[in-house]
Amino acid sequence: MKTILVVDDEADARDLLRTILEERKAHVTTVASPKEALETLEWLGPDLIISDIGMPGEDGYSFIRTVRLE
């Protein structure tokens, strides 16, 4: 079973992705911001991260850059 972290500021998008991915037997954790995602990464260790690109505060591009540097 794959562990997936979904990062999106829109609750509807998070819920839709969770439903689709869980139907395909993935273990899904959702968060609403890049800050929450970085905190979650410390203990989750996902196989895959799906991130929205256009989020307030920090966009998905800078979030992924940060993840790559850690």
PDB file of N, CA and C in Angstrom:
ATOM      1  N   MET A   1       0.842  -1.175   0.000  1.00  0.00           N
ATOM      2  CA  MET A   1       0.000   0.000   0.000  1.00  0.00           C
ATOM      3  C   MET A   1       0.892   1.244   0.000  1.00  0.00           C
ATOM      4  N   LYS A   2       0.622   2.147  -0.910  1.00  0.00           N
ATOM      5  CA  LYS A   2       1.372   3.392  -1.013  1.00  0.00           C
ATOM      6  C   LYS A   2       0.830   4.413  -0.021  1.00  0.00           C
ATOM      7  N   THR A   3       1.729   5.203   0.538  1.00  0.00           N
ATOM      8  CA  THR A   3       1.361   6.301   1.420  1.00  0.00           C
ATOM      9  C   THR A   3       1.513   7.603   0.641  1.00  0.00           C
ATOM     10  N   ILE A   4       0.438   8.384   0.593  1.00  0.00           N
ATOM     11  CA  ILE A   4       0.416   9.602  -0.216  1.00  0.00           C
ATOM     12  C   ILE A   4       0.040  10.785   0.669  1.00  0.00           C
ATOM     13  N   LEU A   5       0.775  11.887   0.500  1.00  0.00           N
ATOM     14  CA  LEU A   5       0.460  13.140   1.173  1.00  0.00           C
ATOM     15  C   LEU A   5      -0.120  14.099   0.132  1.00  0.00           C
ATOM     16  N   VAL A   6      -1.317  14.598   0.393  1.00  0.00           N
ATOM     17  CA  VAL A   6      -1.983  15.556  -0.491  1.00  0.00           C
ATOM     18  C   VAL A   6      -1.963  16.917   0.197  1.00  0.00           C
ATOM     19  N   VAL A   7      -1.452  17.928  -0.528  1.00  0.00           N
ATOM     20  CA  VAL A   7      -1.368  19.290  -0.003  1.00  0.00           C
ATOM     21  C   VAL A   7      -2.211  20.196  -0.891  1.00  0.00           C
ATOM     22  N   ASP A   8      -3.292  20.742  -0.339  1.00  0.00           N
ATOM     23  CA  ASP A   8      -4.161  21.622  -1.111  1.00  0.00           C
ATOM     24  C   ASP A   8      -4.940  22.505  -0.143  1.00  0.00           C
ATOM     25  N   ASP A   9      -5.049  23.786  -0.453  1.00  0.00           N
ATOM     26  CA  ASP A   9      -5.776  24.700   0.422  1.00  0.00           C
ATOM     27  C   ASP A   9      -7.289  24.602   0.261  1.00  0.00           C
ATOM     28  N   GLU A  10      -7.761  23.925  -0.760  1.00  0.00           N
ATOM     29  CA  GLU A  10      -9.199  23.759  -1.009  1.00  0.00           C
ATOM     30  C   GLU A  10      -9.680  22.422  -0.445  1.00  0.00           C
ATOM     31  N   ALA A  11     -10.583  22.491   0.522  1.00  0.00           N
ATOM     32  CA  ALA A  11     -11.083  21.273   1.178  1.00  0.00           C
ATOM     33  C   ALA A  11     -11.739  20.310   0.189  1.00  0.00           C
ATOM     34  N   ASP A  12     -12.505  20.827  -0.769  1.00  0.00           N
ATOM     35  CA  ASP A  12     -13.169  19.958  -1.744  1.00  0.00           C
ATOM     36  C   ASP A  12     -12.164  19.171  -2.580  1.00  0.00           C
ATOM     37  N   ALA A  13     -11.087  19.829  -2.977  1.00  0.00           N
ATOM     38  CA  ALA A  13     -10.049  19.151  -3.767  1.00  0.00           C
ATOM     39  C   ALA A  13      -9.365  18.070  -2.934  1.00  0.00           C
ATOM     40  N   ARG A  14      -9.064  18.381  -1.665  1.00  0.00           N
ATOM     41  CA  ARG A  14      -8.453  17.368  -0.787  1.00  0.00           C
ATOM     42  C   ARG A  14      -9.355  16.158  -0.637  1.00  0.00           C
ATOM     43  N   ASP A  15     -10.650  16.409  -0.408  1.00  0.00           N
ATOM     44  CA  ASP A  15     -11.602  15.312  -0.226  1.00  0.00           C
ATOM     45  C   ASP A  15     -11.733  14.463  -1.481  1.00  0.00           C
ATOM     46  N   LEU A  16     -11.798  15.107  -2.641  1.00  0.00           N
ATOM     47  CA  LEU A  16     -11.903  14.373  -3.898  1.00  0.00           C
ATOM     48  C   LEU A  16     -10.677  13.496  -4.127  1.00  0.00           C
ATOM     49  N   LEU A  17      -9.489  14.074  -3.938  1.00  0.00           N
ATOM     50  CA  LEU A  17      -8.266  13.285  -4.124  1.00  0.00           C
ATOM     51  C   LEU A  17      -8.193  12.132  -3.135  1.00  0.00           C
ATOM     52  N   ARG A  18      -8.570  12.391  -1.879  1.00  0.00           N
ATOM     53  CA  ARG A  18      -8.573  11.313  -0.881  1.00  0.00           C
ATOM     54  C   ARG A  18      -9.475  10.173  -1.332  1.00  0.00           C
ATOM     55  N   THR A  19     -10.682  10.494  -1.771  1.00  0.00           N
ATOM     56  CA  THR A  19     -11.640   9.470  -2.196  1.00  0.00           C
ATOM     57  C   THR A  19     -11.098   8.656  -3.359  1.00  0.00           C
ATOM     58  N   ILE A  20     -10.606   9.332  -4.377  1.00  0.00           N
ATOM     59  CA  ILE A  20     -10.084   8.642  -5.562  1.00  0.00           C
ATOM     60  C   ILE A  20      -8.912   7.739  -5.193  1.00  0.00           C
ATOM     61  N   LEU A  21      -7.992   8.257  -4.411  1.00  0.00           N
ATOM     62  CA  LEU A  21      -6.788   7.483  -4.080  1.00  0.00           C
ATOM     63  C   LEU A  21      -7.083   6.334  -3.123  1.00  0.00           C
ATOM     64  N   GLU A  22      -7.981   6.556  -2.161  1.00  0.00           N
ATOM     65  CA  GLU A  22      -8.328   5.473  -1.236  1.00  0.00           C
ATOM     66  C   GLU A  22      -9.086   4.353  -1.948  1.00  0.00           C
ATOM     67  N   GLU A  23      -9.859   4.688  -2.985  1.00  0.00           N
ATOM     68  CA  GLU A  23     -10.529   3.654  -3.777  1.00  0.00           C
ATOM     69  C   GLU A  23      -9.509   2.756  -4.466  1.00  0.00           C
ATOM     70  N   ARG A  24      -8.318   3.293  -4.656  1.00  0.00           N
ATOM     71  CA  ARG A  24      -7.240   2.528  -5.285  1.00  0.00           C
ATOM     72  C   ARG A  24      -6.263   1.970  -4.250  1.00  0.00           C
ATOM     73  N   LYS A  25      -6.743   1.890  -3.011  1.00  0.00           N
ATOM     74  CA  LYS A  25      -6.038   1.228  -1.908  1.00  0.00           C
ATOM     75  C   LYS A  25      -4.806   1.980  -1.388  1.00  0.00           C
ATOM     76  N   ALA A  26      -4.746   3.291  -1.575  1.00  0.00           N
ATOM     77  CA  ALA A  26      -3.641   4.078  -1.029  1.00  0.00           C
ATOM     78  C   ALA A  26      -3.998   4.538   0.382  1.00  0.00           C
ATOM     79  N   HIS A  27      -2.983   4.743   1.200  1.00  0.00           N
ATOM     80  CA  HIS A  27      -3.147   5.360   2.514  1.00  0.00           C
ATOM     81  C   HIS A  27      -2.902   6.849   2.292  1.00  0.00           C
ATOM     82  N   VAL A  28      -3.929   7.683   2.512  1.00  0.00           N
ATOM     83  CA  VAL A  28      -3.861   9.100   2.158  1.00  0.00           C
ATOM     84  C   VAL A  28      -3.948   9.977   3.400  1.00  0.00           C
ATOM     85  N   THR A  29      -3.023  10.928   3.486  1.00  0.00           N
ATOM     86  CA  THR A  29      -3.063  11.968   4.508  1.00  0.00           C
ATOM     87  C   THR A  29      -3.197  13.294   3.774  1.00  0.00           C
ATOM     88  N   THR A  30      -4.122  14.142   4.224  1.00  0.00           N
ATOM     89  CA  THR A  30      -4.311  15.433   3.577  1.00  0.00           C
ATOM     90  C   THR A  30      -3.989  16.560   4.542  1.00  0.00           C
ATOM     91  N   VAL A  31      -3.434  17.640   4.004  1.00  0.00           N
ATOM     92  CA  VAL A  31      -3.149  18.849   4.777  1.00  0.00           C
ATOM     93  C   VAL A  31      -3.513  20.063   3.935  1.00  0.00           C
ATOM     94  N   ALA A  32      -3.717  21.210   4.605  1.00  0.00           N
ATOM     95  CA  ALA A  32      -4.214  22.396   3.927  1.00  0.00           C
ATOM     96  C   ALA A  32      -3.145  23.424   3.572  1.00  0.00           C
ATOM     97  N   SER A  33      -1.897  23.193   3.978  1.00  0.00           N
ATOM     98  CA  SER A  33      -0.866  24.200   3.701  1.00  0.00           C
ATOM     99  C   SER A  33       0.513  23.558   3.611  1.00  0.00           C
ATOM    100  N   PRO A  34       1.433  24.243   2.948  1.00  0.00           N
ATOM    101  CA  PRO A  34       2.812  23.746   2.904  1.00  0.00           C
ATOM    102  C   PRO A  34       3.431  23.621   4.305  1.00  0.00           C
ATOM    103  N   LYS A  35       3.098  24.545   5.196  1.00  0.00           N
ATOM    104  CA  LYS A  35       3.628  24.474   6.566  1.00  0.00           C
ATOM    105  C   LYS A  35       3.181  23.173   7.251  1.00  0.00           C
ATOM    106  N   GLU A  36       1.890  22.869   7.142  1.00  0.00           N
ATOM    107  CA  GLU A  36       1.371  21.620   7.694  1.00  0.00           C
ATOM    108  C   GLU A  36       2.038  20.415   7.044  1.00  0.00           C
ATOM    109  N   ALA A  37       2.266  20.501   5.745  1.00  0.00           N
ATOM    110  CA  ALA A  37       2.882  19.393   5.020  1.00  0.00           C
ATOM    111  C   ALA A  37       4.294  19.133   5.528  1.00  0.00           C
ATOM    112  N   LEU A  38       5.073  20.181   5.743  1.00  0.00           N
ATOM    113  CA  LEU A  38       6.442  20.001   6.242  1.00  0.00           C
ATOM    114  C   LEU A  38       6.444  19.363   7.622  1.00  0.00           C
ATOM    115  N   GLU A  39       5.508  19.757   8.472  1.00  0.00           N
ATOM    116  CA  GLU A  39       5.394  19.147   9.801  1.00  0.00           C
ATOM    117  C   GLU A  39       5.001  17.674   9.684  1.00  0.00           C
ATOM    118  N   THR A  40       4.108  17.365   8.756  1.00  0.00           N
ATOM    119  CA  THR A  40       3.636  15.996   8.565  1.00  0.00           C
ATOM    120  C   THR A  40       4.728  15.106   7.986  1.00  0.00           C
ATOM    121  N   LEU A  41       5.556  15.669   7.116  1.00  0.00           N
ATOM    122  CA  LEU A  41       6.640  14.888   6.504  1.00  0.00           C
ATOM    123  C   LEU A  41       7.584  14.318   7.543  1.00  0.00           C
ATOM    124  N   GLU A  42       7.748  15.010   8.668  1.00  0.00           N
ATOM    125  CA  GLU A  42       8.661  14.554   9.716  1.00  0.00           C
ATOM    126  C   GLU A  42       8.290  13.166  10.237  1.00  0.00           C
ATOM    127  N   TRP A  43       7.004  12.859  10.297  1.00  0.00           N
ATOM    128  CA  TRP A  43       6.599  11.556  10.846  1.00  0.00           C
ATOM    129  C   TRP A  43       5.954  10.620   9.826  1.00  0.00           C
ATOM    130  N   LEU A  44       5.495  11.148   8.689  1.00  0.00           N
ATOM    131  CA  LEU A  44       4.762  10.304   7.750  1.00  0.00           C
ATOM    132  C   LEU A  44       5.655   9.523   6.800  1.00  0.00           C
ATOM    133  N   GLY A  45       6.627  10.189   6.199  1.00  0.00           N
ATOM    134  CA  GLY A  45       7.484   9.520   5.216  1.00  0.00           C
ATOM    135  C   GLY A  45       6.709   8.971   4.044  1.00  0.00           C
ATOM    136  N   PRO A  46       5.965   9.815   3.298  1.00  0.00           N
ATOM    137  CA  PRO A  46       5.118   9.310   2.213  1.00  0.00           C
ATOM    138  C   PRO A  46       5.925   8.798   1.030  1.00  0.00           C
ATOM    139  N   ASP A  47       5.296   7.924   0.260  1.00  0.00           N
ATOM    140  CA  ASP A  47       5.888   7.453  -0.993  1.00  0.00           C
ATOM    141  C   ASP A  47       5.717   8.492  -2.096  1.00  0.00           C
ATOM    142  N   LEU A  48       4.674   9.323  -1.969  1.00  0.00           N
ATOM    143  CA  LEU A  48       4.332  10.288  -3.011  1.00  0.00           C
ATOM    144  C   LEU A  48       3.719  11.527  -2.361  1.00  0.00           C
ATOM    145  N   ILE A  49       4.042  12.703  -2.916  1.00  0.00           N
ATOM    146  CA  ILE A  49       3.420  13.961  -2.487  1.00  0.00           C
ATOM    147  C   ILE A  49       2.688  14.543  -3.694  1.00  0.00           C
ATOM    148  N   ILE A  50       1.414  14.891  -3.495  1.00  0.00           N
ATOM    149  CA  ILE A  50       0.635  15.587  -4.514  1.00  0.00           C
ATOM    150  C   ILE A  50       0.339  16.972  -3.943  1.00  0.00           C
ATOM    151  N   SER A  51       0.798  18.004  -4.642  1.00  0.00           N
ATOM    152  CA  SER A  51       0.653  19.359  -4.136  1.00  0.00           C
ATOM    153  C   SER A  51      -0.014  20.275  -5.152  1.00  0.00           C
ATOM    154  N   ASP A  52      -0.937  21.072  -4.641  1.00  0.00           N
ATOM    155  CA  ASP A  52      -1.515  22.152  -5.431  1.00  0.00           C
ATOM    156  C   ASP A  52      -0.392  23.141  -5.742  1.00  0.00           C
ATOM    157  N   ILE A  53      -0.461  23.787  -6.876  1.00  0.00           N
ATOM    158  CA  ILE A  53       0.559  24.762  -7.255  1.00  0.00           C
ATOM    159  C   ILE A  53       0.201  26.152  -6.723  1.00  0.00           C
ATOM    160  N   GLY A  54      -1.052  26.556  -6.847  1.00  0.00           N
ATOM    161  CA  GLY A  54      -1.457  27.902  -6.457  1.00  0.00           C
ATOM    162  C   GLY A  54      -2.089  27.945  -5.081  1.00  0.00           C
ATOM    163  N   MET A  55      -1.262  28.125  -4.058  1.00  0.00           N
ATOM    164  CA  MET A  55      -1.770  28.249  -2.693  1.00  0.00           C
ATOM    165  C   MET A  55      -1.331  29.595  -2.122  1.00  0.00           C
ATOM    166  N   PRO A  56      -2.138  30.164  -1.230  1.00  0.00           N
ATOM    167  CA  PRO A  56      -1.742  31.440  -0.637  1.00  0.00           C
ATOM    168  C   PRO A  56      -0.550  31.255   0.299  1.00  0.00           C
ATOM    169  N   GLY A  57       0.277  32.264   0.385  1.00  0.00           N
ATOM    170  CA  GLY A  57       1.431  32.203   1.284  1.00  0.00           C
ATOM    171  C   GLY A  57       2.649  31.604   0.618  1.00  0.00           C
ATOM    172  N   GLU A  58       2.592  30.323   0.331  1.00  0.00           N
ATOM    173  CA  GLU A  58       3.693  29.622  -0.333  1.00  0.00           C
ATOM    174  C   GLU A  58       3.103  28.762  -1.433  1.00  0.00           C
ATOM    175  N   ASP A  59       3.611  28.913  -2.650  1.00  0.00           N
ATOM    176  CA  ASP A  59       3.049  28.108  -3.732  1.00  0.00           C
ATOM    177  C   ASP A  59       3.663  26.706  -3.739  1.00  0.00           C
ATOM    178  N   GLY A  60       3.060  25.849  -4.540  1.00  0.00           N
ATOM    179  CA  GLY A  60       3.503  24.458  -4.601  1.00  0.00           C
ATOM    180  C   GLY A  60       4.921  24.292  -5.110  1.00  0.00           C
ATOM    181  N   TYR A  61       5.364  25.178  -5.996  1.00  0.00           N
ATOM    182  CA  TYR A  61       6.729  25.090  -6.516  1.00  0.00           C
ATOM    183  C   TYR A  61       7.762  25.289  -5.404  1.00  0.00           C
ATOM    184  N   SER A  62       7.566  26.322  -4.595  1.00  0.00           N
ATOM    185  CA  SER A  62       8.538  26.569  -3.520  1.00  0.00           C
ATOM    186  C   SER A  62       8.453  25.486  -2.446  1.00  0.00           C
ATOM    187  N   PHE A  63       7.258  24.961  -2.214  1.00  0.00           N
ATOM    188  CA  PHE A  63       7.116  23.857  -1.260  1.00  0.00           C
ATOM    189  C   PHE A  63       7.920  22.643  -1.718  1.00  0.00           C
ATOM    190  N   ILE A  64       7.778  22.262  -2.970  1.00  0.00           N
ATOM    191  CA  ILE A  64       8.509  21.093  -3.479  1.00  0.00           C
ATOM    192  C   ILE A  64      10.015  21.350  -3.467  1.00  0.00           C
ATOM    193  N   ARG A  65      10.435  22.568  -3.785  1.00  0.00           N
ATOM    194  CA  ARG A  65      11.858  22.909  -3.688  1.00  0.00           C
ATOM    195  C   ARG A  65      12.373  22.690  -2.271  1.00  0.00           C
ATOM    196  N   THR A  66      11.593  23.128  -1.292  1.00  0.00           N
ATOM    197  CA  THR A  66      11.969  22.951   0.113  1.00  0.00           C
ATOM    198  C   THR A  66      12.080  21.475   0.460  1.00  0.00           C
ATOM    199  N   VAL A  67      11.129  20.672   0.013  1.00  0.00           N
ATOM    200  CA  VAL A  67      11.151  19.233   0.297  1.00  0.00           C
ATOM    201  C   VAL A  67      12.402  18.594  -0.312  1.00  0.00           C
ATOM    202  N   ARG A  68      12.733  18.992  -1.515  1.00  0.00           N
ATOM    203  CA  ARG A  68      13.909  18.413  -2.186  1.00  0.00           C
ATOM    204  C   ARG A  68      15.200  18.739  -1.461  1.00  0.00           C
ATOM    205  N   LEU A  69      15.258  19.908  -0.831  1.00  0.00           N
ATOM    206  CA  LEU A  69      16.484  20.336  -0.141  1.00  0.00           C
ATOM    207  C   LEU A  69      16.651  19.644   1.211  1.00  0.00           C
ATOM    208  N   GLU A  70      15.583  19.118   1.755  1.00  0.00           N
ATOM    209  CA  GLU A  70      15.676  18.492   3.091  1.00  0.00           C
ATOM    210  C   GLU A  70      16.181  17.083   3.026  1.00  0.00           C
TER     211      GLU A  70
END
